[in-house]
Amino acid sequence: MICDNCSHNCNLTDGAIGLCHARSEKDGRIVCDNYGKVTSLALDPIEKKPLAMFFPGSKILSAGSYGCNMRCDWCQNDSISRGYVDADTLTPAELVEMALSARSRGNIGIAYTYNEPSVGFEFVIDSARLAAENKLVNVMVTNGMLSRKRSDELMRFIDAYNIDLKTGVASKYEKIGGDMSLICDNIRSIRTYGRHVELTTLVVPGFNDDEDDFSEIVDFIAKTDRNIPLHITRFFPAGNMRSAAPTDINTLRRFRDIARKKIKNVFLGNV
């Protein structure tokens, strides 16, 4: 049976688990194994998502599960992204109740984040729908590789996105399990739909720290909407790259100057 949640389209036999480690085939249907499995929960400043131009100064209840449909050597959350993680289970109603109870501390809603939230599509959409009914905002922090059909279905309930735009080169995306065409198409669709969207490019030494690659990212944003904020963030050793050096700060500053020539809202992160 084909799982059509993302462009990997994993062909799963009975009991088999998909590349994301969060979806499997059971009794002739695709099951969301990480439904309600919450590995991480925190009340964060919204700027940490990062969202710089969406309710700045507010806080948001951030929830993560396990699993991811990409394989980035530098993953900063590899402990929850690369396989099953034992976790407590929350229902959408319980998560929304937590968010509502945190309003007195400045909470405005729920952010689906930490691991790749789209691999747990069913839990995210159930929670987001209920949150919207309770006048809470929904934020998606994602790699953007949800299938077009499901992305369109979900964006009815998501108020803001931060999407990791990891490279401007399709062949580099392929090496980490990404589909650049789908990701860019989703970004354009989300923007056309009128949802708030910000993009993040983590500048990783040896992967995307050359000007040609970065210029492709900037050109895409400029053609889509030059008002879309771009966060250019610094890599620190993580995942399978724990022995690598952090990104040269001068590279980030040079990229910021390149971006500012074509797009309006550019931010440096992790500096």
C-alpha atoms as a PDB file:
ATOM      1  CA  MET A   1       0.000   0.000   0.000  1.00  0.00           C
ATOM      2  CA  ILE A   2       1.273   3.463  -0.918  1.00  0.00           C
ATOM      3  CA  CYS A   3       1.578   6.134   1.777  1.00  0.00           C
ATOM      4  CA  ASP A   4       0.866   9.392  -0.029  1.00  0.00           C
ATOM      5  CA  ASN A   5       1.706  11.719   2.855  1.00  0.00           C
ATOM      6  CA  CYS A   6       4.821  13.044   1.100  1.00  0.00           C
ATOM      7  CA  SER A   7       6.691  12.587  -2.161  1.00  0.00           C
ATOM      8  CA  HIS A   8       8.538   9.458  -0.974  1.00  0.00           C
ATOM      9  CA  ASN A   9       5.326   7.487  -1.587  1.00  0.00           C
ATOM     10  CA  CYS A  10       6.571   4.574   0.517  1.00  0.00           C
ATOM     11  CA  ASN A  11       5.165   1.241  -0.711  1.00  0.00           C
ATOM     12  CA  LEU A  12       4.412  -0.555   2.544  1.00  0.00           C
ATOM     13  CA  THR A  13       3.543  -4.181   3.081  1.00  0.00           C
ATOM     14  CA  ASP A  14       1.702  -5.349   6.202  1.00  0.00           C
ATOM     15  CA  GLY A  15       3.481  -4.101   9.321  1.00  0.00           C
ATOM     16  CA  ALA A  16       6.149  -2.211   7.393  1.00  0.00           C
ATOM     17  CA  ILE A  17       7.215   1.230   8.611  1.00  0.00           C
ATOM     18  CA  GLY A  18       7.811   4.154   6.275  1.00  0.00           C
ATOM     19  CA  LEU A  19      11.032   6.095   5.792  1.00  0.00           C
ATOM     20  CA  CYS A  20       9.767   8.689   8.290  1.00  0.00           C
ATOM     21  CA  HIS A  21       9.508   6.056  11.077  1.00  0.00           C
ATOM     22  CA  ALA A  22       6.115   7.521  11.979  1.00  0.00           C
ATOM     23  CA  ARG A  23       3.746   5.845   9.517  1.00  0.00           C
ATOM     24  CA  SER A  24       3.079   2.178   8.791  1.00  0.00           C
ATOM     25  CA  GLU A  25       0.702  -0.218   7.076  1.00  0.00           C
ATOM     26  CA  LYS A  26      -1.668  -2.211   9.249  1.00  0.00           C
ATOM     27  CA  ASP A  27      -4.624  -4.316   8.116  1.00  0.00           C
ATOM     28  CA  GLY A  28      -4.798  -2.733   4.689  1.00  0.00           C
ATOM     29  CA  ARG A  29      -4.520   0.917   5.718  1.00  0.00           C
ATOM     30  CA  ILE A  30      -1.841   3.485   6.459  1.00  0.00           C
ATOM     31  CA  VAL A  31      -1.604   4.275  10.168  1.00  0.00           C
ATOM     32  CA  CYS A  32      -0.104   7.340  11.865  1.00  0.00           C
ATOM     33  CA  ASP A  33       1.985   5.569  14.510  1.00  0.00           C
ATOM     34  CA  ASN A  34       3.056   8.754  16.279  1.00  0.00           C
ATOM     35  CA  TYR A  35      -0.510  10.027  16.744  1.00  0.00           C
ATOM     36  CA  GLY A  36      -0.543  11.973  20.006  1.00  0.00           C
ATOM     37  CA  LYS A  37       2.953  10.819  20.981  1.00  0.00           C
ATOM     38  CA  VAL A  38       4.395  14.029  22.406  1.00  0.00           C
ATOM     39  CA  THR A  39       8.148  13.899  23.021  1.00  0.00           C
ATOM     40  CA  SER A  40       8.670  17.638  23.529  1.00  0.00           C
ATOM     41  CA  LEU A  41       6.429  20.312  25.003  1.00  0.00           C
ATOM     42  CA  ALA A  42       7.400  23.869  25.941  1.00  0.00           C
ATOM     43  CA  LEU A  43       6.025  27.397  26.086  1.00  0.00           C
ATOM     44  CA  ASP A  44       8.415  29.252  23.774  1.00  0.00           C
ATOM     45  CA  PRO A  45       8.817  32.833  22.580  1.00  0.00           C
ATOM     46  CA  ILE A  46       7.356  32.893  19.088  1.00  0.00           C
ATOM     47  CA  GLU A  47      10.630  34.334  17.812  1.00  0.00           C
ATOM     48  CA  LYS A  48      12.229  30.959  18.583  1.00  0.00           C
ATOM     49  CA  LYS A  49      10.222  29.178  15.838  1.00  0.00           C
ATOM     50  CA  PRO A  50      11.575  31.446  14.243  1.00  0.00           C
ATOM     51  CA  LEU A  51       8.779  33.867  13.404  1.00  0.00           C
ATOM     52  CA  ALA A  52       9.857  37.501  13.452  1.00  0.00           C
ATOM     53  CA  MET A  53       6.771  39.140  11.955  1.00  0.00           C
ATOM     54  CA  PHE A  54       3.866  37.159  13.419  1.00  0.00           C
ATOM     55  CA  PHE A  55       2.616  38.361  16.818  1.00  0.00           C
ATOM     56  CA  PRO A  56       6.114  39.406  17.969  1.00  0.00           C
ATOM     57  CA  GLY A  57       6.603  39.344  21.727  1.00  0.00           C
ATOM     58  CA  SER A  58       4.050  36.579  22.260  1.00  0.00           C
ATOM     59  CA  LYS A  59       4.540  32.987  23.363  1.00  0.00           C
ATOM     60  CA  ILE A  60       3.323  29.764  21.856  1.00  0.00           C
ATOM     61  CA  LEU A  61       2.910  26.239  23.196  1.00  0.00           C
ATOM     62  CA  SER A  62       5.304  24.129  21.141  1.00  0.00           C
ATOM     63  CA  ALA A  63       4.708  20.414  20.725  1.00  0.00           C
ATOM     64  CA  GLY A  64       6.811  17.781  18.986  1.00  0.00           C
ATOM     65  CA  SER A  65       6.583  14.054  18.355  1.00  0.00           C
ATOM     66  CA  TYR A  66       9.068  11.779  16.569  1.00  0.00           C
ATOM     67  CA  GLY A  67       9.968  11.033  12.953  1.00  0.00           C
ATOM     68  CA  CYS A  68      11.055  12.913   9.839  1.00  0.00           C
ATOM     69  CA  ASN A  69      10.909  12.326   6.087  1.00  0.00           C
ATOM     70  CA  MET A  70      14.360  13.804   5.402  1.00  0.00           C
ATOM     71  CA  ARG A  71      17.831  12.729   6.500  1.00  0.00           C
ATOM     72  CA  CYS A  72      19.981  15.772   7.233  1.00  0.00           C
ATOM     73  CA  ASP A  73      23.426  14.987   8.650  1.00  0.00           C
ATOM     74  CA  TRP A  74      23.302  18.182  10.720  1.00  0.00           C
ATOM     75  CA  CYS A  75      19.901  17.566  12.354  1.00  0.00           C
ATOM     76  CA  GLN A  76      19.657  19.457  15.632  1.00  0.00           C
ATOM     77  CA  ASN A  77      16.807  17.233  16.824  1.00  0.00           C
ATOM     78  CA  ASP A  78      18.199  13.874  15.735  1.00  0.00           C
ATOM     79  CA  SER A  79      17.203  12.222  19.017  1.00  0.00           C
ATOM     80  CA  ILE A  80      13.526  12.466  17.986  1.00  0.00           C
ATOM     81  CA  SER A  81      13.720  12.682  14.204  1.00  0.00           C
ATOM     82  CA  ARG A  82      15.411   9.411  13.281  1.00  0.00           C
ATOM     83  CA  GLY A  83      13.230   6.721  14.776  1.00  0.00           C
ATOM     84  CA  TYR A  84      10.671   5.663  17.320  1.00  0.00           C
ATOM     85  CA  VAL A  85      10.820   7.439  20.666  1.00  0.00           C
ATOM     86  CA  ASP A  86       8.810   6.325  23.677  1.00  0.00           C
ATOM     87  CA  ALA A  87       6.534   9.154  24.716  1.00  0.00           C
ATOM     88  CA  ASP A  88       3.410  10.065  26.610  1.00  0.00           C
ATOM     89  CA  THR A  89       0.199  10.252  24.605  1.00  0.00           C
ATOM     90  CA  LEU A  90      -1.980  13.343  24.459  1.00  0.00           C
ATOM     91  CA  THR A  91      -5.326  13.678  22.718  1.00  0.00           C
ATOM     92  CA  PRO A  92      -5.951  16.792  20.619  1.00  0.00           C
ATOM     93  CA  ALA A  93      -8.407  17.931  23.289  1.00  0.00           C
ATOM     94  CA  GLU A  94      -5.766  17.606  26.004  1.00  0.00           C
ATOM     95  CA  LEU A  95      -3.207  19.534  23.953  1.00  0.00           C
ATOM     96  CA  VAL A  96      -5.698  22.313  23.243  1.00  0.00           C
ATOM     97  CA  GLU A  97      -6.671  22.476  26.914  1.00  0.00           C
ATOM     98  CA  MET A  98      -2.983  22.939  27.815  1.00  0.00           C
ATOM     99  CA  ALA A  99      -2.747  25.755  25.296  1.00  0.00           C
ATOM    100  CA  LEU A 100      -5.849  27.440  26.661  1.00  0.00           C
ATOM    101  CA  SER A 101      -4.595  27.165  30.236  1.00  0.00           C
ATOM    102  CA  ALA A 102      -1.334  28.873  29.207  1.00  0.00           C
ATOM    103  CA  ARG A 103      -3.096  31.980  27.852  1.00  0.00           C
ATOM    104  CA  SER A 104      -2.481  33.747  31.166  1.00  0.00           C
ATOM    105  CA  ARG A 105       1.262  33.385  30.476  1.00  0.00           C
ATOM    106  CA  GLY A 106       1.031  35.005  27.060  1.00  0.00           C
ATOM    107  CA  ASN A 107       0.262  31.921  24.956  1.00  0.00           C
ATOM    108  CA  ILE A 108      -1.521  32.549  21.666  1.00  0.00           C
ATOM    109  CA  GLY A 109      -1.780  29.004  20.333  1.00  0.00           C
ATOM    110  CA  ILE A 110       0.060  25.836  19.341  1.00  0.00           C
ATOM    111  CA  ALA A 111       3.198  25.331  17.260  1.00  0.00           C
ATOM    112  CA  TYR A 112       3.791  21.917  15.709  1.00  0.00           C
ATOM    113  CA  THR A 113       7.562  21.674  15.717  1.00  0.00           C
ATOM    114  CA  TYR A 114      10.814  20.035  16.948  1.00  0.00           C
ATOM    115  CA  ASN A 115      10.532  16.904  14.782  1.00  0.00           C
ATOM    116  CA  GLU A 116       8.931  17.089  11.320  1.00  0.00           C
ATOM    117  CA  PRO A 117       5.265  17.594  12.212  1.00  0.00           C
ATOM    118  CA  SER A 118       3.852  16.711   8.793  1.00  0.00           C
ATOM    119  CA  VAL A 119       4.680  13.009   9.262  1.00  0.00           C
ATOM    120  CA  GLY A 120       2.033  13.062  12.007  1.00  0.00           C
ATOM    121  CA  PHE A 121      -0.483  14.743   9.722  1.00  0.00           C
ATOM    122  CA  GLU A 122      -3.578  13.212  11.318  1.00  0.00           C
ATOM    123  CA  PHE A 123      -2.758  14.412  14.830  1.00  0.00           C
ATOM    124  CA  VAL A 124      -1.717  17.853  13.604  1.00  0.00           C
ATOM    125  CA  ILE A 125      -4.896  18.469  11.610  1.00  0.00           C
ATOM    126  CA  ASP A 126      -7.144  17.142  14.382  1.00  0.00           C
ATOM    127  CA  SER A 127      -5.407  19.378  16.934  1.00  0.00           C
ATOM    128  CA  ALA A 128      -5.282  22.395  14.634  1.00  0.00           C
ATOM    129  CA  ARG A 129      -8.967  22.141  13.797  1.00  0.00           C
ATOM    130  CA  LEU A 130      -9.881  22.020  17.501  1.00  0.00           C
ATOM    131  CA  ALA A 131      -7.458  24.827  18.347  1.00  0.00           C
ATOM    132  CA  ALA A 132      -8.994  27.051  15.669  1.00  0.00           C
ATOM    133  CA  GLU A 133     -12.462  26.370  17.079  1.00  0.00           C
ATOM    134  CA  ASN A 134     -11.138  27.645  20.419  1.00  0.00           C
ATOM    135  CA  LYS A 135      -9.684  30.850  18.893  1.00  0.00           C
ATOM    136  CA  LEU A 136      -6.077  29.703  19.191  1.00  0.00           C
ATOM    137  CA  VAL A 137      -3.580  30.237  16.386  1.00  0.00           C
ATOM    138  CA  ASN A 138      -1.762  27.328  14.766  1.00  0.00           C
ATOM    139  CA  VAL A 139       1.864  27.458  13.634  1.00  0.00           C
ATOM    140  CA  MET A 140       3.620  24.859  11.508  1.00  0.00           C
ATOM    141  CA  VAL A 141       7.435  24.602  11.652  1.00  0.00           C
ATOM    142  CA  THR A 142       8.206  22.248   8.810  1.00  0.00           C
ATOM    143  CA  ASN A 143      10.444  21.170   5.966  1.00  0.00           C
ATOM    144  CA  GLY A 144       7.516  21.784   3.622  1.00  0.00           C
ATOM    145  CA  MET A 145       7.390  18.313   2.067  1.00  0.00           C
ATOM    146  CA  LEU A 146       3.783  17.412   2.796  1.00  0.00           C
ATOM    147  CA  SER A 147       1.922  16.208  -0.316  1.00  0.00           C
ATOM    148  CA  ARG A 148       0.073  18.943  -2.193  1.00  0.00           C
ATOM    149  CA  LYS A 149      -3.363  17.494  -1.422  1.00  0.00           C
ATOM    150  CA  ARG A 150      -2.643  17.257   2.284  1.00  0.00           C
ATOM    151  CA  SER A 151      -0.912  20.624   2.398  1.00  0.00           C
ATOM    152  CA  ASP A 152      -4.010  22.249   0.910  1.00  0.00           C
ATOM    153  CA  GLU A 153      -6.204  20.462   3.439  1.00  0.00           C
ATOM    154  CA  LEU A 154      -4.067  21.480   6.400  1.00  0.00           C
ATOM    155  CA  MET A 155      -3.538  25.134   5.499  1.00  0.00           C
ATOM    156  CA  ARG A 156      -7.206  25.865   6.195  1.00  0.00           C
ATOM    157  CA  PHE A 157      -6.313  25.625   9.888  1.00  0.00           C
ATOM    158  CA  ILE A 158      -2.696  26.861   9.980  1.00  0.00           C
ATOM    159  CA  ASP A 159      -2.206  30.589  10.538  1.00  0.00           C
ATOM    160  CA  ALA A 160       1.559  30.806  10.107  1.00  0.00           C
ATOM    161  CA  TYR A 161       4.406  28.716   8.783  1.00  0.00           C
ATOM    162  CA  ASN A 162       8.139  28.644   9.133  1.00  0.00           C
ATOM    163  CA  ILE A 163       9.508  26.465   6.351  1.00  0.00           C
ATOM    164  CA  ASP A 164      13.081  25.231   6.164  1.00  0.00           C
ATOM    165  CA  LEU A 165      14.358  26.078   2.698  1.00  0.00           C
ATOM    166  CA  LYS A 166      17.541  24.071   2.939  1.00  0.00           C
ATOM    167  CA  THR A 167      19.078  24.707  -0.475  1.00  0.00           C
ATOM    168  CA  GLY A 168      18.319  26.244  -3.835  1.00  0.00           C
ATOM    169  CA  VAL A 169      19.718  23.235  -5.718  1.00  0.00           C
ATOM    170  CA  ALA A 170      17.404  20.321  -6.481  1.00  0.00           C
ATOM    171  CA  SER A 171      20.192  17.709  -6.583  1.00  0.00           C
ATOM    172  CA  LYS A 172      21.302  18.677  -3.071  1.00  0.00           C
ATOM    173  CA  TYR A 173      17.743  18.287  -1.823  1.00  0.00           C
ATOM    174  CA  GLU A 174      17.617  14.808  -3.336  1.00  0.00           C
ATOM    175  CA  LYS A 175      20.701  13.769  -1.356  1.00  0.00           C
ATOM    176  CA  ILE A 176      18.893  14.441   1.924  1.00  0.00           C
ATOM    177  CA  GLY A 177      15.578  12.960   0.811  1.00  0.00           C
ATOM    178  CA  GLY A 178      13.928  16.229  -0.156  1.00  0.00           C
ATOM    179  CA  ASP A 179      11.767  17.195  -3.122  1.00  0.00           C
ATOM    180  CA  MET A 180      12.598  20.802  -3.993  1.00  0.00           C
ATOM    181  CA  SER A 181       9.816  21.107  -6.562  1.00  0.00           C
ATOM    182  CA  LEU A 182       7.141  20.061  -4.058  1.00  0.00           C
ATOM    183  CA  ILE A 183       8.549  22.267  -1.297  1.00  0.00           C
ATOM    184  CA  CYS A 184       8.667  25.367  -3.501  1.00  0.00           C
ATOM    185  CA  ASP A 185       5.186  24.619  -4.831  1.00  0.00           C
ATOM    186  CA  ASN A 186       3.857  24.375  -1.273  1.00  0.00           C
ATOM    187  CA  ILE A 187       5.484  27.682  -0.326  1.00  0.00           C
ATOM    188  CA  ARG A 188       3.893  29.422  -3.306  1.00  0.00           C
ATOM    189  CA  SER A 189       0.508  27.864  -2.558  1.00  0.00           C
ATOM    190  CA  ILE A 190       0.611  28.827   1.124  1.00  0.00           C
ATOM    191  CA  ARG A 191       1.477  32.404   0.216  1.00  0.00           C
ATOM    192  CA  THR A 192      -1.245  32.562  -2.439  1.00  0.00           C
ATOM    193  CA  TYR A 193      -3.736  31.246   0.108  1.00  0.00           C
ATOM    194  CA  GLY A 194      -2.892  34.254   2.265  1.00  0.00           C
ATOM    195  CA  ARG A 195      -1.212  32.520   5.169  1.00  0.00           C
ATOM    196  CA  HIS A 196       1.750  34.079   6.922  1.00  0.00           C
ATOM    197  CA  VAL A 197       4.989  32.348   5.932  1.00  0.00           C
ATOM    198  CA  GLU A 198       8.618  32.863   6.897  1.00  0.00           C
ATOM    199  CA  LEU A 199      11.552  30.847   5.587  1.00  0.00           C
ATOM    200  CA  THR A 200      14.717  29.644   7.284  1.00  0.00           C
ATOM    201  CA  THR A 201      17.990  28.657   5.651  1.00  0.00           C
ATOM    202  CA  LEU A 202      20.481  27.030   7.992  1.00  0.00           C
ATOM    203  CA  VAL A 203      23.871  27.664   6.413  1.00  0.00           C
ATOM    204  CA  VAL A 204      25.757  24.372   6.705  1.00  0.00           C
ATOM    205  CA  PRO A 205      29.501  24.266   5.890  1.00  0.00           C
ATOM    206  CA  GLY A 206      30.158  22.054   2.899  1.00  0.00           C
ATOM    207  CA  PHE A 207      26.490  21.749   1.960  1.00  0.00           C
ATOM    208  CA  ASN A 208      24.909  25.087   1.090  1.00  0.00           C
ATOM    209  CA  ASP A 209      27.472  27.729   2.093  1.00  0.00           C
ATOM    210  CA  ASP A 210      28.318  28.816  -1.454  1.00  0.00           C
ATOM    211  CA  GLU A 211      26.948  31.989  -3.001  1.00  0.00           C
ATOM    212  CA  ASP A 212      25.495  30.308  -6.091  1.00  0.00           C
ATOM    213  CA  ASP A 213      23.300  28.056  -3.957  1.00  0.00           C
ATOM    214  CA  PHE A 214      22.189  30.896  -1.707  1.00  0.00           C
ATOM    215  CA  SER A 215      21.459  33.162  -4.673  1.00  0.00           C
ATOM    216  CA  GLU A 216      19.026  30.534  -5.997  1.00  0.00           C
ATOM    217  CA  ILE A 217      17.163  30.698  -2.679  1.00  0.00           C
ATOM    218  CA  VAL A 218      16.997  34.491  -2.804  1.00  0.00           C
ATOM    219  CA  ASP A 219      15.818  34.486  -6.416  1.00  0.00           C
ATOM    220  CA  PHE A 220      13.020  32.052  -5.577  1.00  0.00           C
ATOM    221  CA  ILE A 221      11.806  34.243  -2.707  1.00  0.00           C
ATOM    222  CA  ALA A 222      12.025  37.412  -4.805  1.00  0.00           C
ATOM    223  CA  LYS A 223       9.938  35.828  -7.564  1.00  0.00           C
ATOM    224  CA  THR A 224       7.381  34.442  -5.104  1.00  0.00           C
ATOM    225  CA  ASP A 225       6.975  37.462  -2.818  1.00  0.00           C
ATOM    226  CA  ARG A 226       9.851  39.720  -1.815  1.00  0.00           C
ATOM    227  CA  ASN A 227       8.052  40.488   1.465  1.00  0.00           C
ATOM    228  CA  ILE A 228       8.494  36.905   2.729  1.00  0.00           C
ATOM    229  CA  PRO A 229      10.919  37.059   5.688  1.00  0.00           C
ATOM    230  CA  LEU A 230      14.108  35.007   5.411  1.00  0.00           C
ATOM    231  CA  HIS A 231      16.033  33.810   8.466  1.00  0.00           C
ATOM    232  CA  ILE A 232      19.672  33.047   7.692  1.00  0.00           C
ATOM    233  CA  THR A 233      20.860  30.934  10.599  1.00  0.00           C
ATOM    234  CA  ARG A 234      24.197  29.716  11.831  1.00  0.00           C
ATOM    235  CA  PHE A 235      25.009  26.026  12.018  1.00  0.00           C
ATOM    236  CA  PHE A 236      26.483  24.634  15.229  1.00  0.00           C
ATOM    237  CA  PRO A 237      27.798  21.056  15.519  1.00  0.00           C
ATOM    238  CA  ALA A 238      24.894  18.592  15.721  1.00  0.00           C
ATOM    239  CA  GLY A 239      23.666  15.255  14.449  1.00  0.00           C
ATOM    240  CA  ASN A 240      26.302  13.438  12.404  1.00  0.00           C
ATOM    241  CA  MET A 241      28.311  16.665  12.107  1.00  0.00           C
ATOM    242  CA  ARG A 242      29.307  17.085  15.731  1.00  0.00           C
ATOM    243  CA  SER A 243      32.971  17.462  14.803  1.00  0.00           C
ATOM    244  CA  ALA A 244      32.322  20.173  12.199  1.00  0.00           C
ATOM    245  CA  ALA A 245      33.029  23.842  12.826  1.00  0.00           C
ATOM    246  CA  PRO A 246      30.203  26.370  13.200  1.00  0.00           C
ATOM    247  CA  THR A 247      29.345  28.481  10.186  1.00  0.00           C
ATOM    248  CA  ASP A 248      31.727  31.386   9.663  1.00  0.00           C
ATOM    249  CA  ILE A 249      29.859  34.463  10.863  1.00  0.00           C
ATOM    250  CA  ASN A 250      31.241  36.437   7.913  1.00  0.00           C
ATOM    251  CA  THR A 251      29.491  34.016   5.539  1.00  0.00           C
ATOM    252  CA  LEU A 252      26.162  34.820   7.180  1.00  0.00           C
ATOM    253  CA  ARG A 253      26.794  38.550   6.928  1.00  0.00           C
ATOM    254  CA  ARG A 254      27.747  38.230   3.267  1.00  0.00           C
ATOM    255  CA  PHE A 255      24.599  36.221   2.567  1.00  0.00           C
ATOM    256  CA  ARG A 256      22.517  38.813   4.421  1.00  0.00           C
ATOM    257  CA  ASP A 257      23.879  41.525   2.129  1.00  0.00           C
ATOM    258  CA  ILE A 258      23.103  39.418  -0.954  1.00  0.00           C
ATOM    259  CA  ALA A 259      19.536  38.796   0.236  1.00  0.00           C
ATOM    260  CA  ARG A 260      18.833  42.428   1.074  1.00  0.00           C
ATOM    261  CA  LYS A 261      19.378  43.418  -2.550  1.00  0.00           C
ATOM    262  CA  LYS A 262      16.267  41.491  -3.608  1.00  0.00           C
ATOM    263  CA  ILE A 263      14.048  40.815  -0.586  1.00  0.00           C
ATOM    264  CA  LYS A 264      12.790  43.105   2.144  1.00  0.00           C
ATOM    265  CA  ASN A 265      12.914  41.226   5.446  1.00  0.00           C
ATOM    266  CA  VAL A 266      16.179  39.453   6.287  1.00  0.00           C
ATOM    267  CA  PHE A 267      17.209  38.222   9.734  1.00  0.00           C
ATOM    268  CA  LEU A 268      20.315  36.524  11.091  1.00  0.00           C
ATOM    269  CA  GLY A 269      19.832  33.718  13.611  1.00  0.00           C
ATOM    270  CA  ASN A 270      22.008  31.746  16.053  1.00  0.00           C
ATOM    271  CA  VAL A 271      24.562  34.565  16.161  1.00  0.00           C
END
